Amino acid sequence: MRPKGSTHLGTRARSFFLRRCSSRVSRKQASDSLASVSAKSLLLNENRKANKRVLLIAPDNRTLDETLLASAKALRGAGLQYRSFLCRYEPPTIAHEGGINLRELSFDAQVSAFLGKSQSDKAGLRRKLTRYLELAPILRYKAEKQKDLDEVRHLEWRLLSAMGDVQSRIHRLEETLARYESLAIWHRLGMQVVGSNVGTMQENCRLYEVQKQEYLQELEVAQARINELKPEAYVEPEMRPEYDELKDEIHRLGGVERVREVLATEEATSRRPFLQAKRVIAATAAKVAGDTIFAPLRYDALLVEDAPHIPLPLLFICACMTRERIVLAGDPRDLPEPKPTEEGWLMGWPTDLAADSLSPTGTVPG
């Protein structure tokens, strides 16, 4: 027969129980408490470096808050960012102590901060998309006008070149007519052979003048068009770099349609993905066993604070969520003296789920 309120643990289960310092300062000396904090901090830091997920449980909220405070102080003393490492699933009973604000470690506060940051990021992305969609057609229109401007300028250059050629011919003909009478007879006869005489040169001058006037008229039209296109094709110096930066950002995110899909997607209301992403989750054993959000979650390590005051059924539920390592911390003197039996060891671990250790006030009976 086994004593009432006791249960049987084999040698394997007993080996999990580590004789460590008590989690409550009233049960140990200050030096032992510091050693306990250091050991827990080393364990948390070891799992952090290995990228392990840790479940930290305690029998009541006050014990859990004291453990979390001590761990946060130790991690802060080691120069680590405890805010992104520790998470308290239930609302803390201790607001702040020693410069540590436990409300910042609250799961609800961290989820709200994440959703707020996500909304802020979405608002910024929406502004970028809106600005990009504003600049894109403007710069496209400016590019078309710049192309037209380049074509008209090219036409202007051709008209100026043609008019320069006509002007040169008129100038040569006028020079020839001015010194025609002084030319040698054989030179004038040679010009007449090719049809170049005073009459034809004068006629050619009149024709070139007409052509020159036509070029001048076309040139006026081209220059008027250039003056119209200049302001239409002008791009402000800061507009192009801004557009290029926005374009690269939108392209990196997958394009306009992908960004629109992201902006149209509502934030997930499920809390489980956020909880699963946390590296260290601190909660009471009763909350872990009773809240369905923990049911599918698995952790690499389980750290149990003040283990002798946690009922064995709750402890087994939490242990089933652990894959690799279980560490029990507490004062073994809180348990009845273990007795050897034929089947193993008999330990007086509490099994009553209605025990005072589950009180919401977090008071552990003395």
Protein backbone atom coordinates (compact mmCIF):
# COMPACT_ATOMS: atom_id res chain seq x y z
CA MET A 1 0.00 0.00 0.00
CA ARG A 2 1.18 3.51 -0.84
CA PRO A 3 0.57 6.51 1.44
CA LYS A 4 -2.38 8.73 0.53
CA GLY A 5 -1.38 11.77 -1.58
CA SER A 6 1.79 10.02 -2.75
CA THR A 7 2.73 8.51 -6.03
CA HIS A 8 5.33 6.10 -7.31
CA LEU A 9 8.28 7.34 -9.40
CA GLY A 10 10.83 5.09 -11.05
CA THR A 11 14.55 5.63 -10.98
CA ARG A 12 14.39 7.37 -14.41
CA ALA A 13 11.87 9.97 -13.18
CA ARG A 14 13.82 10.48 -9.95
CA SER A 15 17.02 11.15 -11.89
CA PHE A 16 15.38 14.26 -13.37
CA PHE A 17 15.13 15.89 -9.98
CA LEU A 18 18.22 18.06 -9.41
CA ARG A 19 19.15 19.02 -5.90
CA ARG A 20 19.34 22.76 -6.35
CA CYS A 21 18.70 25.77 -4.22
CA SER A 22 15.17 26.72 -3.26
CA SER A 23 13.30 29.18 -5.51
CA ARG A 24 12.08 31.08 -2.46
CA VAL A 25 14.56 33.19 -0.52
CA SER A 26 12.77 32.39 2.75
CA ARG A 27 13.82 28.75 2.36
CA LYS A 28 17.51 29.38 1.61
CA GLN A 29 20.31 31.74 2.46
CA ALA A 30 21.06 34.68 0.15
CA SER A 31 24.18 33.01 -1.25
CA ASP A 32 22.22 29.92 -2.26
CA SER A 33 19.60 32.14 -3.92
CA LEU A 34 22.28 33.90 -5.97
CA ALA A 35 23.69 30.54 -7.00
CA SER A 36 20.21 29.42 -8.09
CA VAL A 37 19.72 32.57 -10.17
CA SER A 38 23.12 32.12 -11.79
CA ALA A 39 22.38 28.48 -12.61
CA LYS A 40 19.02 29.34 -14.17
CA SER A 41 20.53 32.22 -16.11
CA LEU A 42 23.30 29.96 -17.40
CA LEU A 43 20.70 27.42 -18.45
CA LEU A 44 18.63 30.04 -20.28
CA ASN A 45 21.71 31.53 -21.93
CA GLU A 46 22.88 28.06 -22.97
CA ASN A 47 19.55 27.35 -24.65
CA ARG A 48 19.54 30.82 -26.24
CA LYS A 49 22.92 30.18 -27.84
CA ALA A 50 21.70 26.82 -29.11
CA ASN A 51 18.49 28.46 -30.42
CA LYS A 52 16.37 26.22 -28.19
CA ARG A 53 12.83 26.88 -27.03
CA VAL A 54 12.32 26.76 -23.26
CA LEU A 55 9.16 26.44 -21.19
CA LEU A 56 9.53 27.90 -17.70
CA ILE A 57 6.80 26.93 -15.24
CA ALA A 58 6.13 27.54 -11.55
CA PRO A 59 3.35 26.57 -9.15
CA ASP A 60 1.99 30.13 -8.77
CA ASN A 61 2.23 33.57 -10.31
CA ARG A 62 4.33 35.18 -7.60
CA THR A 63 6.99 32.49 -7.75
CA LEU A 64 6.98 32.76 -11.53
CA ASP A 65 7.35 36.56 -11.41
CA GLU A 66 10.22 36.35 -8.90
CA THR A 67 11.99 33.78 -11.07
CA LEU A 68 11.45 35.85 -14.19
CA LEU A 69 12.71 39.00 -12.45
CA ALA A 70 15.85 37.24 -11.24
CA SER A 71 16.51 35.78 -14.69
CA ALA A 72 15.95 39.14 -16.40
CA LYS A 73 18.36 40.87 -14.00
CA ALA A 74 20.99 38.20 -14.53
CA LEU A 75 20.63 38.39 -18.32
CA ARG A 76 20.78 42.18 -18.20
CA GLY A 77 23.90 41.98 -16.08
CA ALA A 78 25.44 39.76 -18.74
CA GLY A 79 24.70 42.40 -21.39
CA LEU A 80 21.89 40.43 -23.08
CA GLN A 81 18.60 41.78 -24.43
CA TYR A 82 16.21 40.04 -22.09
CA ARG A 83 13.12 41.82 -23.51
CA SER A 84 13.35 39.94 -26.80
CA PHE A 85 14.27 36.71 -25.04
CA LEU A 86 11.78 36.32 -22.16
CA CYS A 87 8.01 36.28 -22.39
CA ARG A 88 5.42 36.05 -19.59
CA TYR A 89 2.23 34.44 -20.91
CA GLU A 90 -0.07 35.51 -18.07
CA PRO A 91 -0.33 39.10 -16.76
CA PRO A 92 2.36 39.60 -14.10
CA THR A 93 1.46 40.15 -10.47
CA ILE A 94 4.59 42.27 -9.94
CA ALA A 95 4.64 45.35 -12.18
CA HIS A 96 8.31 46.27 -11.92
CA GLU A 97 11.24 45.86 -9.62
CA GLY A 98 14.91 46.75 -9.80
CA GLY A 99 14.52 48.54 -13.13
CA ILE A 100 12.79 45.51 -14.72
CA ASN A 101 9.28 46.14 -16.02
CA LEU A 102 7.52 42.80 -16.20
CA ARG A 103 4.64 44.34 -18.14
CA GLU A 104 7.04 44.72 -21.08
CA LEU A 105 7.57 40.94 -20.95
CA SER A 106 3.84 40.24 -21.00
CA PHE A 107 2.75 38.17 -23.98
CA ASP A 108 -0.26 40.41 -24.66
CA ALA A 109 1.95 43.52 -24.59
CA GLN A 110 4.46 41.96 -26.99
CA VAL A 111 1.71 40.83 -29.38
CA SER A 112 0.17 44.31 -29.31
CA ALA A 113 3.58 45.89 -29.94
CA PHE A 114 4.18 43.50 -32.85
CA LEU A 115 0.79 44.21 -34.39
CA GLY A 116 1.31 47.94 -33.87
CA LYS A 117 4.70 47.78 -35.59
CA SER A 118 3.20 45.70 -38.37
CA GLN A 119 0.45 48.27 -38.88
CA SER A 120 3.05 51.04 -38.86
CA ASP A 121 5.14 49.16 -41.42
CA LYS A 122 2.06 48.68 -43.57
CA ALA A 123 1.21 52.37 -43.35
CA GLY A 124 4.73 53.26 -44.46
CA LEU A 125 4.58 50.73 -47.29
CA ARG A 126 1.20 52.08 -48.36
CA ARG A 127 2.62 55.60 -48.52
CA LYS A 128 5.54 54.35 -50.60
CA LEU A 129 3.24 52.53 -53.00
CA THR A 130 0.97 55.56 -53.33
CA ARG A 131 3.93 57.83 -54.04
CA TYR A 132 5.37 55.35 -56.52
CA LEU A 133 2.05 55.14 -58.37
CA GLU A 134 1.93 58.95 -58.44
CA LEU A 135 5.44 59.34 -59.81
CA ALA A 136 5.30 56.51 -62.36
CA PRO A 137 2.81 58.13 -64.81
CA ILE A 138 4.37 61.56 -64.31
CA LEU A 139 7.83 60.34 -65.23
CA ARG A 140 6.41 58.25 -68.06
CA TYR A 141 4.75 61.39 -69.47
CA LYS A 142 7.96 63.37 -68.96
CA ALA A 143 9.93 60.67 -70.78
CA GLU A 144 7.56 60.84 -73.78
CA LYS A 145 7.85 64.61 -73.88
CA GLN A 146 11.62 64.38 -73.62
CA LYS A 147 11.60 62.04 -76.60
CA ASP A 148 9.51 64.55 -78.57
CA LEU A 149 11.83 67.33 -77.51
CA ASP A 150 14.87 65.39 -78.70
CA GLU A 151 13.21 64.79 -82.09
CA VAL A 152 12.32 68.48 -82.53
CA ARG A 153 15.82 69.53 -81.51
CA HIS A 154 17.24 67.13 -84.06
CA LEU A 155 14.95 68.71 -86.69
CA GLU A 156 16.12 72.16 -85.60
CA TRP A 157 19.73 71.09 -86.06
CA ARG A 158 18.98 69.79 -89.58
CA LEU A 159 17.17 73.02 -90.53
CA LEU A 160 20.05 75.12 -89.24
CA SER A 161 22.53 72.99 -91.18
CA ALA A 162 20.46 73.24 -94.40
CA MET A 163 20.00 76.97 -93.99
CA GLY A 164 23.72 77.36 -93.44
CA ASP A 165 24.40 75.54 -96.72
CA VAL A 166 21.91 77.78 -98.60
CA GLN A 167 23.43 80.89 -97.09
CA SER A 168 26.89 79.78 -98.18
CA ARG A 169 25.71 79.21 -101.76
CA ILE A 170 24.03 82.64 -101.88
CA HIS A 171 27.21 84.22 -100.59
CA ARG A 172 29.35 82.47 -103.26
CA LEU A 173 26.96 83.48 -106.05
CA GLU A 174 26.93 87.12 -104.90
CA GLU A 175 30.73 87.18 -104.80
CA THR A 176 30.92 85.72 -108.33
CA LEU A 177 28.41 88.28 -109.67
CA ALA A 178 30.31 91.13 -108.07
CA ARG A 179 33.60 90.24 -109.82
CA TYR A 180 32.10 88.71 -112.99
CA GLU A 181 33.22 91.61 -115.26
CA SER A 182 36.77 91.35 -113.98
CA LEU A 183 37.06 87.65 -114.74
CA ALA A 184 39.25 86.53 -117.66
CA ILE A 185 37.48 85.85 -120.93
CA TRP A 186 38.38 82.18 -120.94
CA HIS A 187 36.98 81.85 -117.36
CA ARG A 188 33.65 83.41 -118.36
CA LEU A 189 33.47 81.20 -121.48
CA GLY A 190 34.04 78.14 -119.29
CA MET A 191 31.22 79.19 -116.95
CA GLN A 192 28.87 79.73 -119.88
CA VAL A 193 29.65 76.22 -121.16
CA VAL A 194 28.18 74.74 -117.93
CA GLY A 195 25.21 77.16 -118.03
CA SER A 196 26.48 79.60 -115.44
CA ASN A 197 26.06 83.18 -116.54
CA VAL A 198 24.80 86.37 -114.98
CA GLY A 199 21.15 85.55 -115.62
CA THR A 200 21.28 82.03 -114.20
CA MET A 201 23.30 83.09 -111.16
CA GLN A 202 20.82 85.83 -110.37
CA GLU A 203 17.95 83.35 -110.75
CA ASN A 204 19.72 80.86 -108.48
CA CYS A 205 20.19 83.59 -105.86
CA ARG A 206 16.45 84.31 -105.90
CA LEU A 207 15.64 80.57 -105.58
CA TYR A 208 18.08 80.15 -102.70
CA GLU A 209 16.55 83.16 -100.96
CA VAL A 210 13.10 81.59 -101.24
CA GLN A 211 14.45 78.31 -99.86
CA LYS A 212 16.15 80.22 -97.06
CA GLN A 213 12.87 81.88 -96.08
CA GLU A 214 11.13 78.50 -96.03
CA TYR A 215 13.83 77.14 -93.72
CA LEU A 216 13.43 80.20 -91.49
CA GLN A 217 9.69 79.62 -91.21
CA GLU A 218 10.18 75.93 -90.38
CA LEU A 219 12.86 76.88 -87.88
CA GLU A 220 10.50 79.30 -86.13
CA VAL A 221 7.88 76.55 -85.84
CA ALA A 222 10.48 74.10 -84.47
CA GLN A 223 11.81 76.58 -81.91
CA ALA A 224 8.28 77.44 -80.78
CA ARG A 225 7.63 73.71 -80.28
CA ILE A 226 10.89 73.37 -78.35
CA ASN A 227 9.83 76.17 -76.01
CA GLU A 228 6.54 74.36 -75.41
CA LEU A 229 8.18 70.99 -74.74
CA LYS A 230 10.90 72.22 -72.39
CA PRO A 231 8.67 72.75 -69.32
CA GLU A 232 6.67 69.63 -70.12
CA ALA A 233 9.80 67.46 -70.27
CA TYR A 234 11.51 69.06 -67.26
CA VAL A 235 12.03 66.70 -64.29
CA GLU A 236 12.83 68.10 -60.86
CA PRO A 237 16.30 66.99 -59.69
CA GLU A 238 15.00 65.13 -56.60
CA MET A 239 12.12 63.40 -58.39
CA ARG A 240 14.18 60.89 -60.36
CA PRO A 241 16.26 59.58 -57.38
CA GLU A 242 13.09 59.29 -55.29
CA TYR A 243 11.37 57.32 -58.01
CA ASP A 244 14.36 55.03 -58.54
CA GLU A 245 14.54 54.29 -54.79
CA LEU A 246 10.82 53.54 -54.60
CA LYS A 247 11.02 51.41 -57.73
CA ASP A 248 13.85 49.31 -56.28
CA GLU A 249 11.91 48.85 -53.03
CA ILE A 250 8.70 47.80 -54.81
CA HIS A 251 10.65 45.46 -57.09
CA ARG A 252 12.40 43.90 -54.08
CA LEU A 253 9.03 43.18 -52.47
CA GLY A 254 7.76 41.42 -55.58
CA GLY A 255 6.16 44.18 -57.63
CA VAL A 256 3.07 46.35 -57.34
CA GLU A 257 0.57 43.49 -57.34
CA ARG A 258 2.43 41.62 -54.61
CA VAL A 259 2.61 44.75 -52.45
CA ARG A 260 -1.11 45.30 -52.93
CA GLU A 261 -1.77 41.72 -51.80
CA VAL A 262 0.35 42.26 -48.69
CA LEU A 263 -1.49 45.47 -47.85
CA ALA A 264 -4.86 43.82 -48.41
CA THR A 265 -4.02 40.89 -46.13
CA GLU A 266 -5.50 41.21 -42.66
CA GLU A 267 -3.30 40.57 -39.65
CA ALA A 268 -3.64 37.05 -38.30
CA THR A 269 -5.68 37.06 -35.10
CA SER A 270 -4.29 33.71 -33.96
CA ARG A 271 -2.00 34.08 -30.97
CA ARG A 272 -0.38 30.66 -31.35
CA PRO A 273 2.17 31.64 -34.07
CA PHE A 274 3.39 34.48 -31.85
CA LEU A 275 3.65 32.16 -28.88
CA GLN A 276 5.48 29.56 -30.93
CA ALA A 277 8.05 32.13 -32.06
CA LYS A 278 9.08 33.03 -28.50
CA ARG A 279 12.28 31.43 -27.20
CA VAL A 280 11.39 31.39 -23.48
CA ILE A 281 7.77 31.21 -22.34
CA ALA A 282 7.01 31.60 -18.64
CA ALA A 283 3.63 30.45 -17.29
CA THR A 284 2.12 28.67 -14.34
CA ALA A 285 1.79 24.91 -14.65
CA ALA A 286 -2.00 25.16 -14.32
CA LYS A 287 -2.17 27.64 -17.22
CA VAL A 288 -0.02 25.44 -19.47
CA ALA A 289 -2.15 22.40 -18.69
CA GLY A 290 -5.48 24.18 -18.96
CA ASP A 291 -5.02 26.53 -21.93
CA THR A 292 -5.56 24.82 -25.30
CA ILE A 293 -3.12 27.21 -26.98
CA PHE A 294 -0.24 25.17 -25.49
CA ALA A 295 -1.57 21.77 -26.63
CA PRO A 296 0.23 21.49 -30.01
CA LEU A 297 3.39 23.31 -28.92
CA ARG A 298 6.65 21.52 -28.20
CA TYR A 299 9.70 22.81 -26.38
CA ASP A 300 13.32 21.73 -26.29
CA ALA A 301 13.71 22.21 -22.54
CA LEU A 302 11.46 22.43 -19.50
CA LEU A 303 12.61 24.43 -16.47
CA VAL A 304 10.42 23.82 -13.42
CA GLU A 305 10.74 26.27 -10.56
CA ASP A 306 9.68 25.18 -7.07
CA ALA A 307 8.84 21.78 -8.47
CA PRO A 308 7.74 20.09 -5.20
CA HIS A 309 4.70 22.39 -5.05
CA ILE A 310 3.44 21.52 -8.52
CA PRO A 311 0.94 18.63 -8.61
CA LEU A 312 2.30 15.63 -10.43
CA PRO A 313 -0.46 15.50 -13.13
CA LEU A 314 0.32 19.06 -14.19
CA LEU A 315 4.03 18.32 -14.13
CA PHE A 316 3.54 15.30 -16.38
CA ILE A 317 1.46 17.35 -18.87
CA CYS A 318 4.23 19.96 -19.12
CA ALA A 319 6.88 17.24 -19.38
CA CYS A 320 5.04 15.71 -22.34
CA MET A 321 5.57 18.98 -24.24
CA THR A 322 9.34 18.70 -23.87
CA ARG A 323 11.63 16.98 -26.37
CA GLU A 324 15.12 17.04 -24.89
CA ARG A 325 15.71 18.25 -21.36
CA ILE A 326 13.81 18.59 -18.09
CA VAL A 327 15.25 20.46 -15.10
CA LEU A 328 13.43 20.40 -11.76
CA ALA A 329 14.41 23.06 -9.24
CA GLY A 330 13.27 23.32 -5.66
CA ASP A 331 13.88 22.10 -2.14
CA PRO A 332 13.64 18.32 -1.83
CA ARG A 333 12.86 18.77 1.87
CA ASP A 334 9.38 19.92 0.84
CA LEU A 335 8.69 16.31 -0.11
CA PRO A 336 8.33 13.39 2.27
CA GLU A 337 11.43 11.29 2.62
CA PRO A 338 11.74 8.93 -0.38
CA LYS A 339 11.44 5.24 0.48
CA PRO A 340 12.87 2.37 -1.54
CA THR A 341 10.49 -0.32 -2.69
CA GLU A 342 10.77 -3.41 -4.83
CA GLU A 343 9.66 -1.43 -7.90
CA GLY A 344 11.76 1.68 -7.36
CA TRP A 345 11.43 4.70 -5.13
CA LEU A 346 8.29 5.96 -3.45
CA MET A 347 8.14 9.77 -3.32
CA GLY A 348 5.37 11.82 -1.69
CA TRP A 349 4.71 14.13 -4.61
CA PRO A 350 1.42 16.08 -4.43
CA THR A 351 -1.30 14.90 -6.79
CA ASP A 352 -4.30 16.94 -5.63
CA LEU A 353 -5.22 19.51 -8.33
CA ALA A 354 -7.27 21.48 -5.79
CA ALA A 355 -4.24 22.16 -3.62
CA ASP A 356 -3.49 25.60 -2.28
CA SER A 357 -0.50 25.77 -4.62
CA LEU A 358 -2.94 26.50 -7.45
CA SER A 359 -4.31 29.56 -5.68
CA PRO A 360 -4.44 32.57 -8.04
CA THR A 361 -2.90 34.73 -5.33
CA GLY A 362 0.27 32.77 -5.75
CA THR A 363 0.71 32.07 -2.05
CA VAL A 364 2.56 28.85 -1.35
CA PRO A 365 1.57 27.40 2.01
CA GLY A 366 4.30 27.33 4.57
